[in-house]
Amino acid sequence: MPITVDIDVMLAKRKLSVGELADRVGITPANLAVLKNGRAKAVRFATLAALCEALDCQPGDLLRFEAKDTADGRRQSSATVAKAEAEDGP
C-alpha cells in the first residue's frame, strides 16, 4: 500500500509510549499498534483527529503517500500500476 504511517516518528519526537498515546486517544494499545505498523485497512477521522490533538501535529505528519517507481523511471501509485498490469493481460 502506498500510504506510510509515521506514528512511530511522532511518538519518538514527543517521547511518548504507545500505551500513553493510546490512553490519551482513547483506543487500545493493540489497535494503536495495528495502525502504527501500517496493518490497518482504515482509520476513522475521529481517531485521526484525536491522534493529531494528542501529538500536537497535522494529519500529514502521521500519514504520507509513497508512489512506486515504474520501469521507465516514472512514479505511479500501486493502484495505477495494478490497473496497467491488468490491462496488459497475460
N, C-alpha and C. Protein backbone atom coordinates (compact mmCIF):
# COMPACT_ATOMS: atom_id res chain seq x y z
N MET A 1 0.85 -1.18 0.00
CA MET A 1 0.00 0.00 0.00
C MET A 1 0.89 1.23 0.00
N PRO A 2 0.56 2.22 -0.80
CA PRO A 2 1.44 3.38 -0.91
C PRO A 2 1.29 4.40 0.22
N ILE A 3 0.47 4.11 1.24
CA ILE A 3 0.34 5.01 2.38
C ILE A 3 1.26 4.52 3.49
N THR A 4 2.14 5.39 3.95
CA THR A 4 3.05 5.06 5.04
C THR A 4 2.60 5.79 6.29
N VAL A 5 2.58 5.08 7.41
CA VAL A 5 2.16 5.64 8.69
C VAL A 5 3.40 5.98 9.50
N ASP A 6 3.50 7.22 9.94
CA ASP A 6 4.67 7.69 10.68
C ASP A 6 4.36 8.01 12.15
N ILE A 7 3.45 7.26 12.74
CA ILE A 7 3.12 7.49 14.15
C ILE A 7 4.35 7.25 15.02
N ASP A 8 5.15 6.24 14.68
CA ASP A 8 6.34 5.95 15.48
C ASP A 8 7.32 7.12 15.49
N VAL A 9 7.40 7.85 14.38
CA VAL A 9 8.27 9.03 14.31
C VAL A 9 7.77 10.09 15.29
N MET A 10 6.46 10.33 15.28
CA MET A 10 5.89 11.34 16.18
C MET A 10 5.99 10.90 17.63
N LEU A 11 5.83 9.61 17.89
CA LEU A 11 5.99 9.11 19.27
C LEU A 11 7.41 9.40 19.76
N ALA A 12 8.39 9.15 18.93
CA ALA A 12 9.78 9.41 19.31
C ALA A 12 10.02 10.90 19.54
N LYS A 13 9.48 11.74 18.64
CA LYS A 13 9.67 13.19 18.79
C LYS A 13 9.02 13.71 20.06
N ARG A 14 7.88 13.13 20.43
CA ARG A 14 7.15 13.59 21.62
C ARG A 14 7.54 12.82 22.88
N LYS A 15 8.43 11.82 22.70
CA LYS A 15 8.89 10.99 23.82
C LYS A 15 7.71 10.35 24.56
N LEU A 16 6.82 9.73 23.78
CA LEU A 16 5.64 9.05 24.31
C LEU A 16 5.72 7.57 24.00
N SER A 17 5.11 6.76 24.84
CA SER A 17 4.99 5.33 24.57
C SER A 17 3.67 5.07 23.85
N VAL A 18 3.57 3.89 23.25
CA VAL A 18 2.32 3.50 22.59
C VAL A 18 1.19 3.48 23.62
N GLY A 19 1.46 2.95 24.79
CA GLY A 19 0.43 2.87 25.84
C GLY A 19 -0.06 4.23 26.28
N GLU A 20 0.86 5.17 26.45
CA GLU A 20 0.47 6.51 26.87
C GLU A 20 -0.35 7.21 25.79
N LEU A 21 0.07 7.07 24.52
CA LEU A 21 -0.69 7.68 23.43
C LEU A 21 -2.07 7.04 23.32
N ALA A 22 -2.13 5.73 23.45
CA ALA A 22 -3.43 5.03 23.39
C ALA A 22 -4.37 5.55 24.46
N ASP A 23 -3.86 5.76 25.67
CA ASP A 23 -4.68 6.31 26.76
C ASP A 23 -5.19 7.70 26.41
N ARG A 24 -4.32 8.54 25.87
CA ARG A 24 -4.70 9.91 25.52
C ARG A 24 -5.75 9.94 24.41
N VAL A 25 -5.63 9.00 23.46
CA VAL A 25 -6.53 8.97 22.31
C VAL A 25 -7.82 8.25 22.61
N GLY A 26 -7.77 7.28 23.54
CA GLY A 26 -8.97 6.52 23.89
C GLY A 26 -9.15 5.27 23.06
N ILE A 27 -8.04 4.67 22.62
CA ILE A 27 -8.11 3.40 21.91
C ILE A 27 -7.17 2.41 22.61
N THR A 28 -7.29 1.15 22.29
CA THR A 28 -6.44 0.16 22.93
C THR A 28 -5.02 0.23 22.35
N PRO A 29 -4.03 -0.12 23.16
CA PRO A 29 -2.66 -0.17 22.63
C PRO A 29 -2.55 -1.13 21.43
N ALA A 30 -3.30 -2.22 21.45
CA ALA A 30 -3.27 -3.17 20.33
C ALA A 30 -3.78 -2.52 19.05
N ASN A 31 -4.87 -1.78 19.13
CA ASN A 31 -5.40 -1.10 17.93
C ASN A 31 -4.46 0.01 17.46
N LEU A 32 -3.82 0.69 18.39
CA LEU A 32 -2.85 1.72 18.00
C LEU A 32 -1.65 1.06 17.32
N ALA A 33 -1.23 -0.09 17.81
CA ALA A 33 -0.10 -0.80 17.19
C ALA A 33 -0.44 -1.24 15.77
N VAL A 34 -1.68 -1.69 15.55
CA VAL A 34 -2.10 -2.08 14.19
C VAL A 34 -2.01 -0.87 13.26
N LEU A 35 -2.46 0.27 13.72
CA LEU A 35 -2.37 1.49 12.90
C LEU A 35 -0.92 1.91 12.72
N LYS A 36 -0.16 1.91 13.79
CA LYS A 36 1.24 2.35 13.76
C LYS A 36 2.09 1.50 12.83
N ASN A 37 1.81 0.21 12.78
CA ASN A 37 2.60 -0.70 11.95
C ASN A 37 2.10 -0.82 10.51
N GLY A 38 1.10 -0.01 10.15
CA GLY A 38 0.63 0.02 8.77
C GLY A 38 -0.25 -1.16 8.39
N ARG A 39 -0.80 -1.87 9.37
CA ARG A 39 -1.65 -3.02 9.07
C ARG A 39 -3.14 -2.67 9.06
N ALA A 40 -3.49 -1.44 9.39
CA ALA A 40 -4.89 -1.03 9.43
C ALA A 40 -5.41 -0.86 8.00
N LYS A 41 -6.65 -1.24 7.78
CA LYS A 41 -7.29 -1.05 6.47
C LYS A 41 -7.95 0.32 6.37
N ALA A 42 -8.23 0.93 7.53
CA ALA A 42 -8.91 2.22 7.55
C ALA A 42 -8.63 2.90 8.88
N VAL A 43 -8.85 4.19 8.91
CA VAL A 43 -8.76 4.95 10.16
C VAL A 43 -9.90 5.95 10.16
N ARG A 44 -10.59 6.03 11.27
CA ARG A 44 -11.69 7.00 11.38
C ARG A 44 -11.12 8.40 11.53
N PHE A 45 -11.81 9.37 10.96
CA PHE A 45 -11.37 10.75 11.09
C PHE A 45 -11.33 11.16 12.55
N ALA A 46 -12.26 10.66 13.36
CA ALA A 46 -12.27 10.99 14.79
C ALA A 46 -10.99 10.49 15.46
N THR A 47 -10.53 9.30 15.08
CA THR A 47 -9.29 8.75 15.63
C THR A 47 -8.10 9.56 15.14
N LEU A 48 -8.08 9.89 13.86
CA LEU A 48 -7.00 10.70 13.30
C LEU A 48 -6.95 12.06 13.98
N ALA A 49 -8.10 12.67 14.21
CA ALA A 49 -8.16 13.97 14.89
C ALA A 49 -7.65 13.85 16.32
N ALA A 50 -8.02 12.77 17.01
CA ALA A 50 -7.56 12.57 18.39
C ALA A 50 -6.05 12.35 18.43
N LEU A 51 -5.51 11.62 17.45
CA LEU A 51 -4.06 11.42 17.37
C LEU A 51 -3.36 12.76 17.16
N CYS A 52 -3.89 13.56 16.24
CA CYS A 52 -3.29 14.86 15.95
C CYS A 52 -3.33 15.78 17.17
N GLU A 53 -4.43 15.73 17.90
CA GLU A 53 -4.54 16.56 19.10
C GLU A 53 -3.56 16.09 20.17
N ALA A 54 -3.49 14.79 20.38
CA ALA A 54 -2.60 14.24 21.41
C ALA A 54 -1.13 14.46 21.08
N LEU A 55 -0.79 14.43 19.79
CA LEU A 55 0.60 14.58 19.36
C LEU A 55 0.94 16.01 18.93
N ASP A 56 -0.07 16.90 18.94
CA ASP A 56 0.11 18.28 18.52
C ASP A 56 0.76 18.33 17.14
N CYS A 57 0.05 17.71 16.17
CA CYS A 57 0.58 17.64 14.82
C CYS A 57 -0.56 17.71 13.81
N GLN A 58 -0.22 17.65 12.54
CA GLN A 58 -1.17 17.64 11.45
C GLN A 58 -1.29 16.22 10.89
N PRO A 59 -2.40 15.88 10.20
CA PRO A 59 -2.53 14.54 9.61
C PRO A 59 -1.37 14.16 8.70
N GLY A 60 -0.83 15.12 7.99
CA GLY A 60 0.31 14.87 7.11
C GLY A 60 1.58 14.50 7.84
N ASP A 61 1.63 14.79 9.14
CA ASP A 61 2.78 14.37 9.95
C ASP A 61 2.69 12.89 10.29
N LEU A 62 1.49 12.32 10.19
CA LEU A 62 1.26 10.92 10.55
C LEU A 62 1.12 10.00 9.34
N LEU A 63 0.66 10.54 8.22
CA LEU A 63 0.41 9.75 7.02
C LEU A 63 1.08 10.39 5.82
N ARG A 64 1.69 9.56 4.97
CA ARG A 64 2.26 10.10 3.73
C ARG A 64 2.09 9.09 2.60
N PHE A 65 2.00 9.61 1.41
CA PHE A 65 1.82 8.81 0.20
C PHE A 65 3.17 8.57 -0.44
N GLU A 66 3.46 7.32 -0.78
CA GLU A 66 4.70 6.98 -1.47
C GLU A 66 4.35 6.24 -2.75
N ALA A 67 4.64 6.85 -3.88
CA ALA A 67 4.38 6.22 -5.16
C ALA A 67 5.51 5.24 -5.47
N LYS A 68 5.21 4.26 -6.32
CA LYS A 68 6.22 3.29 -6.72
C LYS A 68 6.87 3.73 -8.02
N ASP A 69 8.15 3.39 -8.18
CA ASP A 69 8.85 3.67 -9.43
C ASP A 69 8.44 2.65 -10.48
N THR A 70 8.26 3.10 -11.72
CA THR A 70 7.94 2.19 -12.82
C THR A 70 9.23 1.85 -13.56
N ALA A 71 9.15 0.95 -14.51
CA ALA A 71 10.33 0.51 -15.27
C ALA A 71 10.98 1.68 -16.02
N ASP A 72 10.17 2.65 -16.44
CA ASP A 72 10.73 3.79 -17.20
C ASP A 72 11.13 4.95 -16.30
N GLY A 73 11.16 4.71 -14.97
CA GLY A 73 11.62 5.74 -14.05
C GLY A 73 10.56 6.69 -13.55
N ARG A 74 9.33 6.58 -14.09
CA ARG A 74 8.25 7.44 -13.60
C ARG A 74 7.73 6.90 -12.28
N ARG A 75 7.05 7.73 -11.51
CA ARG A 75 6.48 7.30 -10.24
C ARG A 75 4.97 7.21 -10.39
N GLN A 76 4.42 6.07 -9.97
CA GLN A 76 2.98 5.85 -10.04
C GLN A 76 2.51 5.22 -8.74
N SER A 77 1.23 5.42 -8.44
CA SER A 77 0.66 4.74 -7.29
C SER A 77 0.52 3.26 -7.62
N SER A 78 0.43 2.44 -6.59
CA SER A 78 0.29 1.00 -6.83
C SER A 78 -1.02 0.68 -7.53
N ALA A 79 -2.06 1.49 -7.32
CA ALA A 79 -3.33 1.26 -8.00
C ALA A 79 -3.19 1.47 -9.50
N THR A 80 -2.45 2.49 -9.89
CA THR A 80 -2.22 2.76 -11.31
C THR A 80 -1.40 1.64 -11.95
N VAL A 81 -0.38 1.16 -11.23
CA VAL A 81 0.45 0.07 -11.72
C VAL A 81 -0.39 -1.20 -11.88
N ALA A 82 -1.23 -1.51 -10.89
CA ALA A 82 -2.07 -2.71 -10.95
C ALA A 82 -3.06 -2.62 -12.11
N LYS A 83 -3.62 -1.45 -12.35
CA LYS A 83 -4.56 -1.27 -13.45
C LYS A 83 -3.85 -1.49 -14.79
N ALA A 84 -2.67 -0.95 -14.94
CA ALA A 84 -1.92 -1.10 -16.18
C ALA A 84 -1.55 -2.56 -16.41
N GLU A 85 -1.16 -3.26 -15.36
CA GLU A 85 -0.82 -4.69 -15.48
C GLU A 85 -2.04 -5.50 -15.86
N ALA A 86 -3.21 -5.16 -15.33
CA ALA A 86 -4.45 -5.88 -15.64
C ALA A 86 -4.84 -5.66 -17.10
N GLU A 87 -4.61 -4.45 -17.61
CA GLU A 87 -4.95 -4.13 -18.99
C GLU A 87 -4.02 -4.85 -19.97
N ASP A 88 -2.76 -5.06 -19.57
CA ASP A 88 -1.80 -5.74 -20.44
C ASP A 88 -2.15 -7.21 -20.60
N GLY A 89 -2.73 -7.79 -19.57
CA GLY A 89 -3.14 -9.19 -19.63
C GLY A 89 -1.97 -10.15 -19.58
N PRO A 90 -2.28 -11.46 -19.67
CA PRO A 90 -1.22 -12.47 -19.57
C PRO A 90 -0.35 -12.56 -20.80
